[in-house]
Amino acid sequence: MPAPRYRSRTFRRVFVKTPGGKTVMHYRKRKPSKAHCAGCGALLHGVPRERPFIMQRMGKTEKRPERTFGGELCSKCTRIRLKGHARSM
């Protein structure tokens, strides 16, 4: 029987094959949900879905696209926002 903290589905179950040939179960924390656009709610591409300690090791440009509103808005919403800003000037 696993330890009480592993009985819920908070941790995902990963089957790992050991060097001795046995298959054992490891418990790992789940990944966070995917990033969404702040404007329309669409899924953001180019934004990794990793746990904070892995994101911490990544470079700045690996974490989000290197453009205006990168990692916040999708390309469609960014285009609309920039056009609106240019027209109001």
PDB file of N, CA and C in Angstrom:
ATOM      1  N   MET A   1       0.848  -1.185   0.000  1.00  0.00           N
ATOM      2  CA  MET A   1       0.000   0.000   0.000  1.00  0.00           C
ATOM      3  C   MET A   1       0.893   1.248   0.000  1.00  0.00           C
ATOM      4  N   PRO A   2       0.577   2.196  -0.884  1.00  0.00           N
ATOM      5  CA  PRO A   2       1.395   3.415  -0.912  1.00  0.00           C
ATOM      6  C   PRO A   2       1.161   4.284   0.316  1.00  0.00           C
ATOM      7  N   ALA A   3       2.087   5.199   0.535  1.00  0.00           N
ATOM      8  CA  ALA A   3       1.952   6.139   1.642  1.00  0.00           C
ATOM      9  C   ALA A   3       0.686   6.970   1.438  1.00  0.00           C
ATOM     10  N   PRO A   4       0.046   7.412   2.520  1.00  0.00           N
ATOM     11  CA  PRO A   4      -1.229   8.141   2.388  1.00  0.00           C
ATOM     12  C   PRO A   4      -1.194   9.326   1.429  1.00  0.00           C
ATOM     13  N   ARG A   5      -0.072  10.043   1.370  1.00  0.00           N
ATOM     14  CA  ARG A   5      -0.021  11.219   0.486  1.00  0.00           C
ATOM     15  C   ARG A   5      -0.067  10.843  -0.998  1.00  0.00           C
ATOM     16  N   TYR A   6       0.242   9.599  -1.334  1.00  0.00           N
ATOM     17  CA  TYR A   6       0.254   9.165  -2.730  1.00  0.00           C
ATOM     18  C   TYR A   6      -1.044   8.489  -3.162  1.00  0.00           C
ATOM     19  N   ARG A   7      -1.999   8.363  -2.252  1.00  0.00           N
ATOM     20  CA  ARG A   7      -3.227   7.644  -2.588  1.00  0.00           C
ATOM     21  C   ARG A   7      -4.191   8.467  -3.431  1.00  0.00           C
ATOM     22  N   SER A   8      -4.099   9.787  -3.343  1.00  0.00           N
ATOM     23  CA  SER A   8      -4.971  10.627  -4.168  1.00  0.00           C
ATOM     24  C   SER A   8      -4.322  10.794  -5.542  1.00  0.00           C
ATOM     25  N   ARG A   9      -5.015  11.456  -6.441  1.00  0.00           N
ATOM     26  CA  ARG A   9      -4.461  11.661  -7.781  1.00  0.00           C
ATOM     27  C   ARG A   9      -3.743  13.002  -7.901  1.00  0.00           C
ATOM     28  N   THR A  10      -3.355  13.580  -6.774  1.00  0.00           N
ATOM     29  CA  THR A  10      -2.564  14.807  -6.807  1.00  0.00           C
ATOM     30  C   THR A  10      -1.256  14.529  -7.528  1.00  0.00           C
ATOM     31  N   PHE A  11      -0.669  13.380  -7.228  1.00  0.00           N
ATOM     32  CA  PHE A  11       0.563  12.956  -7.882  1.00  0.00           C
ATOM     33  C   PHE A  11       0.205  12.015  -9.021  1.00  0.00           C
ATOM     34  N   ARG A  12       0.912  12.148 -10.145  1.00  0.00           N
ATOM     35  CA  ARG A  12       0.660  11.226 -11.241  1.00  0.00           C
ATOM     36  C   ARG A  12       1.540  10.001 -11.067  1.00  0.00           C
ATOM     37  N   ARG A  13       1.056   8.885 -11.535  1.00  0.00           N
ATOM     38  CA  ARG A  13       1.780   7.629 -11.395  1.00  0.00           C
ATOM     39  C   ARG A  13       2.608   7.374 -12.652  1.00  0.00           C
ATOM     40  N   VAL A  14       3.899   7.142 -12.456  1.00  0.00           N
ATOM     41  CA  VAL A  14       4.815   6.910 -13.569  1.00  0.00           C
ATOM     42  C   VAL A  14       5.469   5.554 -13.349  1.00  0.00           C
ATOM     43  N   PHE A  15       5.366   4.684 -14.341  1.00  0.00           N
ATOM     44  CA  PHE A  15       5.991   3.371 -14.243  1.00  0.00           C
ATOM     45  C   PHE A  15       7.423   3.477 -14.748  1.00  0.00           C
ATOM     46  N   VAL A  16       8.372   3.052 -13.905  1.00  0.00           N
ATOM     47  CA  VAL A  16       9.797   3.161 -14.221  1.00  0.00           C
ATOM     48  C   VAL A  16      10.416   1.783 -14.145  1.00  0.00           C
ATOM     49  N   LYS A  17      11.177   1.444 -15.160  1.00  0.00           N
ATOM     50  CA  LYS A  17      11.859   0.151 -15.161  1.00  0.00           C
ATOM     51  C   LYS A  17      13.229   0.309 -14.504  1.00  0.00           C
ATOM     52  N   THR A  18      13.513  -0.482 -13.506  1.00  0.00           N
ATOM     53  CA  THR A  18      14.777  -0.411 -12.769  1.00  0.00           C
ATOM     54  C   THR A  18      15.861  -1.224 -13.489  1.00  0.00           C
ATOM     55  N   PRO A  19      17.127  -0.998 -13.157  1.00  0.00           N
ATOM     56  CA  PRO A  19      18.203  -1.776 -13.788  1.00  0.00           C
ATOM     57  C   PRO A  19      18.074  -3.280 -13.533  1.00  0.00           C
ATOM     58  N   GLY A  20      17.423  -3.654 -12.440  1.00  0.00           N
ATOM     59  CA  GLY A  20      17.237  -5.071 -12.115  1.00  0.00           C
ATOM     60  C   GLY A  20      16.141  -5.727 -12.937  1.00  0.00           C
ATOM     61  N   GLY A  21      15.418  -4.935 -13.748  1.00  0.00           N
ATOM     62  CA  GLY A  21      14.385  -5.499 -14.605  1.00  0.00           C
ATOM     63  C   GLY A  21      12.975  -5.386 -14.040  1.00  0.00           C
ATOM     64  N   LYS A  22      12.859  -4.927 -12.788  1.00  0.00           N
ATOM     65  CA  LYS A  22      11.534  -4.783 -12.196  1.00  0.00           C
ATOM     66  C   LYS A  22      10.906  -3.464 -12.656  1.00  0.00           C
ATOM     67  N   THR A  23       9.597  -3.436 -12.690  1.00  0.00           N
ATOM     68  CA  THR A  23       8.891  -2.196 -12.990  1.00  0.00           C
ATOM     69  C   THR A  23       8.306  -1.687 -11.684  1.00  0.00           C
ATOM     70  N   VAL A  24       8.661  -0.465 -11.313  1.00  0.00           N
ATOM     71  CA  VAL A  24       8.171   0.123 -10.067  1.00  0.00           C
ATOM     72  C   VAL A  24       7.386   1.393 -10.388  1.00  0.00           C
ATOM     73  N   MET A  25       6.568   1.809  -9.435  1.00  0.00           N
ATOM     74  CA  MET A  25       5.776   3.000  -9.634  1.00  0.00           C
ATOM     75  C   MET A  25       6.405   4.176  -8.899  1.00  0.00           C
ATOM     76  N   HIS A  26       6.628   5.269  -9.634  1.00  0.00           N
ATOM     77  CA  HIS A  26       7.107   6.504  -9.027  1.00  0.00           C
ATOM     78  C   HIS A  26       5.961   7.497  -9.047  1.00  0.00           C
ATOM     79  N   TYR A  27       5.969   8.417  -8.107  1.00  0.00           N
ATOM     80  CA  TYR A  27       4.923   9.433  -8.029  1.00  0.00           C
ATOM     81  C   TYR A  27       5.559  10.784  -8.310  1.00  0.00           C
ATOM     82  N   ARG A  28       5.032  11.489  -9.320  1.00  0.00           N
ATOM     83  CA  ARG A  28       5.574  12.797  -9.679  1.00  0.00           C
ATOM     84  C   ARG A  28       4.461  13.827  -9.654  1.00  0.00           C
ATOM     85  N   LYS A  29       4.840  15.071  -9.384  1.00  0.00           N
ATOM     86  CA  LYS A  29       3.846  16.144  -9.375  1.00  0.00           C
ATOM     87  C   LYS A  29       3.392  16.414 -10.800  1.00  0.00           C
ATOM     88  N   ARG A  30       2.165  16.832 -10.940  1.00  0.00           N
ATOM     89  CA  ARG A  30       1.602  17.108 -12.266  1.00  0.00           C
ATOM     90  C   ARG A  30       2.115  18.436 -12.814  1.00  0.00           C
ATOM     91  N   LYS A  31       2.081  18.555 -14.138  1.00  0.00           N
ATOM     92  CA  LYS A  31       2.484  19.799 -14.786  1.00  0.00           C
ATOM     93  C   LYS A  31       1.358  20.819 -14.663  1.00  0.00           C
ATOM     94  N   PRO A  32       1.692  22.108 -14.682  1.00  0.00           N
ATOM     95  CA  PRO A  32       0.641  23.129 -14.634  1.00  0.00           C
ATOM     96  C   PRO A  32      -0.129  23.175 -15.950  1.00  0.00           C
ATOM     97  N   SER A  33      -1.269  23.852 -15.940  1.00  0.00           N
ATOM     98  CA  SER A  33      -2.092  23.939 -17.143  1.00  0.00           C
ATOM     99  C   SER A  33      -1.403  24.808 -18.194  1.00  0.00           C
ATOM    100  N   LYS A  34      -1.869  24.704 -19.424  1.00  0.00           N
ATOM    101  CA  LYS A  34      -1.268  25.448 -20.530  1.00  0.00           C
ATOM    102  C   LYS A  34      -1.599  26.929 -20.419  1.00  0.00           C
ATOM    103  N   ALA A  35      -0.718  27.772 -20.984  1.00  0.00           N
ATOM    104  CA  ALA A  35      -0.911  29.226 -20.945  1.00  0.00           C
ATOM    105  C   ALA A  35      -2.005  29.629 -21.932  1.00  0.00           C
ATOM    106  N   HIS A  36      -2.831  30.594 -21.531  1.00  0.00           N
ATOM    107  CA  HIS A  36      -3.915  31.083 -22.373  1.00  0.00           C
ATOM    108  C   HIS A  36      -3.770  32.580 -22.626  1.00  0.00           C
ATOM    109  N   CYS A  37      -4.315  33.029 -23.755  1.00  0.00           N
ATOM    110  CA  CYS A  37      -4.293  34.429 -24.138  1.00  0.00           C
ATOM    111  C   CYS A  37      -5.177  35.235 -23.192  1.00  0.00           C
ATOM    112  N   ALA A  38      -4.686  36.392 -22.775  1.00  0.00           N
ATOM    113  CA  ALA A  38      -5.437  37.256 -21.870  1.00  0.00           C
ATOM    114  C   ALA A  38      -6.604  37.934 -22.580  1.00  0.00           C
ATOM    115  N   GLY A  39      -6.529  38.018 -23.914  1.00  0.00           N
ATOM    116  CA  GLY A  39      -7.583  38.681 -24.673  1.00  0.00           C
ATOM    117  C   GLY A  39      -8.733  37.757 -25.016  1.00  0.00           C
ATOM    118  N   CYS A  40      -8.421  36.655 -25.706  1.00  0.00           N
ATOM    119  CA  CYS A  40      -9.488  35.783 -26.212  1.00  0.00           C
ATOM    120  C   CYS A  40      -9.536  34.418 -25.541  1.00  0.00           C
ATOM    121  N   GLY A  41      -8.519  34.066 -24.771  1.00  0.00           N
ATOM    122  CA  GLY A  41      -8.514  32.778 -24.073  1.00  0.00           C
ATOM    123  C   GLY A  41      -7.963  31.632 -24.900  1.00  0.00           C
ATOM    124  N   ALA A  42      -7.409  31.931 -26.078  1.00  0.00           N
ATOM    125  CA  ALA A  42      -6.835  30.886 -26.932  1.00  0.00           C
ATOM    126  C   ALA A  42      -5.549  30.348 -26.307  1.00  0.00           C
ATOM    127  N   LEU A  43      -5.178  29.129 -26.699  1.00  0.00           N
ATOM    128  CA  LEU A  43      -3.946  28.529 -26.203  1.00  0.00           C
ATOM    129  C   LEU A  43      -2.750  29.264 -26.765  1.00  0.00           C
ATOM    130  N   LEU A  44      -1.756  29.543 -25.923  1.00  0.00           N
ATOM    131  CA  LEU A  44      -0.554  30.256 -26.377  1.00  0.00           C
ATOM    132  C   LEU A  44       0.506  29.261 -26.817  1.00  0.00           C
ATOM    133  N   HIS A  45       1.024  29.462 -28.008  1.00  0.00           N
ATOM    134  CA  HIS A  45       2.094  28.614 -28.526  1.00  0.00           C
ATOM    135  C   HIS A  45       3.433  29.223 -28.128  1.00  0.00           C
ATOM    136  N   GLY A  46       4.427  28.386 -27.935  1.00  0.00           N
ATOM    137  CA  GLY A  46       5.765  28.869 -27.618  1.00  0.00           C
ATOM    138  C   GLY A  46       5.979  29.149 -26.141  1.00  0.00           C
ATOM    139  N   VAL A  47       4.988  28.784 -25.301  1.00  0.00           N
ATOM    140  CA  VAL A  47       5.129  28.961 -23.855  1.00  0.00           C
ATOM    141  C   VAL A  47       5.154  27.558 -23.243  1.00  0.00           C
ATOM    142  N   PRO A  48       6.282  27.143 -22.662  1.00  0.00           N
ATOM    143  CA  PRO A  48       6.378  25.781 -22.141  1.00  0.00           C
ATOM    144  C   PRO A  48       5.464  25.539 -20.946  1.00  0.00           C
ATOM    145  N   ARG A  49       5.092  24.286 -20.804  1.00  0.00           N
ATOM    146  CA  ARG A  49       4.196  23.870 -19.723  1.00  0.00           C
ATOM    147  C   ARG A  49       5.037  23.098 -18.714  1.00  0.00           C
ATOM    148  N   GLU A  50       5.771  23.810 -17.894  1.00  0.00           N
ATOM    149  CA  GLU A  50       6.698  23.169 -16.953  1.00  0.00           C
ATOM    150  C   GLU A  50       6.492  23.674 -15.538  1.00  0.00           C
ATOM    151  N   ARG A  51       7.032  22.923 -14.602  1.00  0.00           N
ATOM    152  CA  ARG A  51       6.957  23.301 -13.192  1.00  0.00           C
ATOM    153  C   ARG A  51       7.920  24.452 -12.941  1.00  0.00           C
ATOM    154  N   PRO A  52       7.652  25.301 -11.939  1.00  0.00           N
ATOM    155  CA  PRO A  52       8.461  26.496 -11.701  1.00  0.00           C
ATOM    156  C   PRO A  52       9.967  26.244 -11.570  1.00  0.00           C
ATOM    157  N   PHE A  53      10.381  25.148 -10.957  1.00  0.00           N
ATOM    158  CA  PHE A  53      11.822  24.926 -10.773  1.00  0.00           C
ATOM    159  C   PHE A  53      12.515  24.619 -12.097  1.00  0.00           C
ATOM    160  N   ILE A  54      11.790  24.113 -13.073  1.00  0.00           N
ATOM    161  CA  ILE A  54      12.371  23.877 -14.396  1.00  0.00           C
ATOM    162  C   ILE A  54      12.365  25.179 -15.192  1.00  0.00           C
ATOM    163  N   MET A  55      11.296  25.963 -15.064  1.00  0.00           N
ATOM    164  CA  MET A  55      11.201  27.258 -15.747  1.00  0.00           C
ATOM    165  C   MET A  55      12.308  28.193 -15.263  1.00  0.00           C
ATOM    166  N   GLN A  56      12.667  28.060 -14.004  1.00  0.00           N
ATOM    167  CA  GLN A  56      13.700  28.896 -13.397  1.00  0.00           C
ATOM    168  C   GLN A  56      15.051  28.686 -14.085  1.00  0.00           C
ATOM    169  N   ARG A  57      15.298  27.475 -14.547  1.00  0.00           N
ATOM    170  CA  ARG A  57      16.568  27.137 -15.190  1.00  0.00           C
ATOM    171  C   ARG A  57      16.618  27.546 -16.658  1.00  0.00           C
ATOM    172  N   MET A  58      15.458  27.853 -17.238  1.00  0.00           N
ATOM    173  CA  MET A  58      15.403  28.215 -18.653  1.00  0.00           C
ATOM    174  C   MET A  58      15.810  29.659 -18.866  1.00  0.00           C
ATOM    175  N   GLY A  59      16.288  29.940 -20.055  1.00  0.00           N
ATOM    176  CA  GLY A  59      16.599  31.313 -20.419  1.00  0.00           C
ATOM    177  C   GLY A  59      15.311  32.096 -20.627  1.00  0.00           C
ATOM    178  N   LYS A  60      15.416  33.404 -20.626  1.00  0.00           N
ATOM    179  CA  LYS A  60      14.232  34.260 -20.763  1.00  0.00           C
ATOM    180  C   LYS A  60      13.475  33.993 -22.067  1.00  0.00           C
ATOM    181  N   THR A  61      14.220  33.832 -23.163  1.00  0.00           N
ATOM    182  CA  THR A  61      13.547  33.651 -24.456  1.00  0.00           C
ATOM    183  C   THR A  61      12.991  32.249 -24.650  1.00  0.00           C
ATOM    184  N   GLU A  62      13.364  31.304 -23.804  1.00  0.00           N
ATOM    185  CA  GLU A  62      12.781  29.963 -23.861  1.00  0.00           C
ATOM    186  C   GLU A  62      11.423  29.934 -23.166  1.00  0.00           C
ATOM    187  N   LYS A  63      11.187  30.895 -22.279  1.00  0.00           N
ATOM    188  CA  LYS A  63       9.960  30.907 -21.487  1.00  0.00           C
ATOM    189  C   LYS A  63       8.760  31.467 -22.232  1.00  0.00           C
ATOM    190  N   ARG A  64       9.008  32.402 -23.173  1.00  0.00           N
ATOM    191  CA  ARG A  64       7.910  32.993 -23.927  1.00  0.00           C
ATOM    192  C   ARG A  64       8.453  33.572 -25.223  1.00  0.00           C
ATOM    193  N   PRO A  65       7.599  33.815 -26.225  1.00  0.00           N
ATOM    194  CA  PRO A  65       8.067  34.390 -27.483  1.00  0.00           C
ATOM    195  C   PRO A  65       8.638  35.786 -27.270  1.00  0.00           C
ATOM    196  N   GLU A  66       9.692  36.110 -28.001  1.00  0.00           N
ATOM    197  CA  GLU A  66      10.351  37.396 -27.836  1.00  0.00           C
ATOM    198  C   GLU A  66       9.741  38.423 -28.795  1.00  0.00           C
ATOM    199  N   ARG A  67       8.564  38.889 -28.441  1.00  0.00           N
ATOM    200  CA  ARG A  67       7.893  39.939 -29.201  1.00  0.00           C
ATOM    201  C   ARG A  67       6.984  40.691 -28.244  1.00  0.00           C
ATOM    202  N   THR A  68       6.383  41.777 -28.722  1.00  0.00           N
ATOM    203  CA  THR A  68       5.487  42.565 -27.883  1.00  0.00           C
ATOM    204  C   THR A  68       4.343  41.696 -27.404  1.00  0.00           C
ATOM    205  N   PHE A  69       4.028  41.758 -26.142  1.00  0.00           N
ATOM    206  CA  PHE A  69       2.978  40.971 -25.490  1.00  0.00           C
ATOM    207  C   PHE A  69       3.231  39.459 -25.569  1.00  0.00           C
ATOM    208  N   GLY A  70       4.485  39.056 -25.770  1.00  0.00           N
ATOM    209  CA  GLY A  70       4.824  37.635 -25.843  1.00  0.00           C
ATOM    210  C   GLY A  70       4.526  36.945 -24.523  1.00  0.00           C
ATOM    211  N   GLY A  71       3.793  35.842 -24.570  1.00  0.00           N
ATOM    212  CA  GLY A  71       3.426  35.108 -23.373  1.00  0.00           C
ATOM    213  C   GLY A  71       2.185  35.642 -22.696  1.00  0.00           C
ATOM    214  N   GLU A  72       1.603  36.722 -23.203  1.00  0.00           N
ATOM    215  CA  GLU A  72       0.374  37.297 -22.634  1.00  0.00           C
ATOM    216  C   GLU A  72      -0.782  37.225 -23.620  1.00  0.00           C
ATOM    217  N   LEU A  73      -0.504  37.664 -24.878  1.00  0.00           N
ATOM    218  CA  LEU A  73      -1.542  37.675 -25.906  1.00  0.00           C
ATOM    219  C   LEU A  73      -1.145  36.773 -27.068  1.00  0.00           C
ATOM    220  N   CYS A  74      -2.149  36.213 -27.746  1.00  0.00           N
ATOM    221  CA  CYS A  74      -1.873  35.432 -28.948  1.00  0.00           C
ATOM    222  C   CYS A  74      -1.521  36.402 -30.075  1.00  0.00           C
ATOM    223  N   SER A  75      -1.024  35.885 -31.179  1.00  0.00           N
ATOM    224  CA  SER A  75      -0.572  36.752 -32.270  1.00  0.00           C
ATOM    225  C   SER A  75      -1.729  37.560 -32.852  1.00  0.00           C
ATOM    226  N   LYS A  76      -2.913  36.957 -32.896  1.00  0.00           N
ATOM    227  CA  LYS A  76      -4.084  37.651 -33.451  1.00  0.00           C
ATOM    228  C   LYS A  76      -4.465  38.861 -32.585  1.00  0.00           C
ATOM    229  N   CYS A  77      -4.538  38.666 -31.283  1.00  0.00           N
ATOM    230  CA  CYS A  77      -4.888  39.757 -30.359  1.00  0.00           C
ATOM    231  C   CYS A  77      -3.802  40.829 -30.326  1.00  0.00           C
ATOM    232  N   THR A  78      -2.536  40.405 -30.438  1.00  0.00           N
ATOM    233  CA  THR A  78      -1.417  41.357 -30.470  1.00  0.00           C
ATOM    234  C   THR A  78      -1.539  42.260 -31.690  1.00  0.00           C
ATOM    235  N   ARG A  79      -1.842  41.648 -32.834  1.00  0.00           N
ATOM    236  CA  ARG A  79      -1.985  42.392 -34.078  1.00  0.00           C
ATOM    237  C   ARG A  79      -3.106  43.429 -33.951  1.00  0.00           C
ATOM    238  N   ILE A  80      -4.238  43.028 -33.402  1.00  0.00           N
ATOM    239  CA  ILE A  80      -5.384  43.934 -33.214  1.00  0.00           C
ATOM    240  C   ILE A  80      -5.012  45.082 -32.283  1.00  0.00           C
ATOM    241  N   ARG A  81      -4.349  44.761 -31.162  1.00  0.00           N
ATOM    242  CA  ARG A  81      -3.948  45.769 -30.171  1.00  0.00           C
ATOM    243  C   ARG A  81      -2.978  46.775 -30.770  1.00  0.00           C
ATOM    244  N   LEU A  82      -1.976  46.302 -31.532  1.00  0.00           N
ATOM    245  CA  LEU A  82      -0.983  47.199 -32.122  1.00  0.00           C
ATOM    246  C   LEU A  82      -1.590  48.076 -33.208  1.00  0.00           C
ATOM    247  N   LYS A  83      -2.508  47.517 -33.985  1.00  0.00           N
ATOM    248  CA  LYS A  83      -3.189  48.303 -35.021  1.00  0.00           C
ATOM    249  C   LYS A  83      -4.015  49.415 -34.362  1.00  0.00           C
ATOM    250  N   GLY A  84      -4.733  49.066 -33.317  1.00  0.00           N
ATOM    251  CA  GLY A  84      -5.552  50.048 -32.600  1.00  0.00           C
ATOM    252  C   GLY A  84      -4.719  51.155 -32.001  1.00  0.00           C
ATOM    253  N   HIS A  85      -3.555  50.791 -31.463  1.00  0.00           N
ATOM    254  CA  HIS A  85      -2.657  51.770 -30.863  1.00  0.00           C
ATOM    255  C   HIS A  85      -2.089  52.708 -31.936  1.00  0.00           C
ATOM    256  N   ALA A  86      -1.724  52.146 -33.081  1.00  0.00           N
ATOM    257  CA  ALA A  86      -1.163  52.952 -34.171  1.00  0.00           C
ATOM    258  C   ALA A  86      -2.213  53.906 -34.746  1.00  0.00           C
ATOM    259  N   ARG A  87      -3.450  53.461 -34.815  1.00  0.00           N
ATOM    260  CA  ARG A  87      -4.512  54.286 -35.379  1.00  0.00           C
ATOM    261  C   ARG A  87      -4.919  55.425 -34.450  1.00  0.00           C
ATOM    262  N   SER A  88      -4.767  55.219 -33.141  1.00  0.00           N
ATOM    263  CA  SER A  88      -5.165  56.259 -32.182  1.00  0.00           C
ATOM    264  C   SER A  88      -4.110  57.362 -32.040  1.00  0.00           C
ATOM    265  N   MET A  89      -2.928  57.131 -32.564  1.00  0.00           N
ATOM    266  CA  MET A  89      -1.849  58.116 -32.442  1.00  0.00           C
ATOM    267  C   MET A  89      -2.035  59.285 -33.393  1.00  0.00           C
TER     268      MET A  89
END
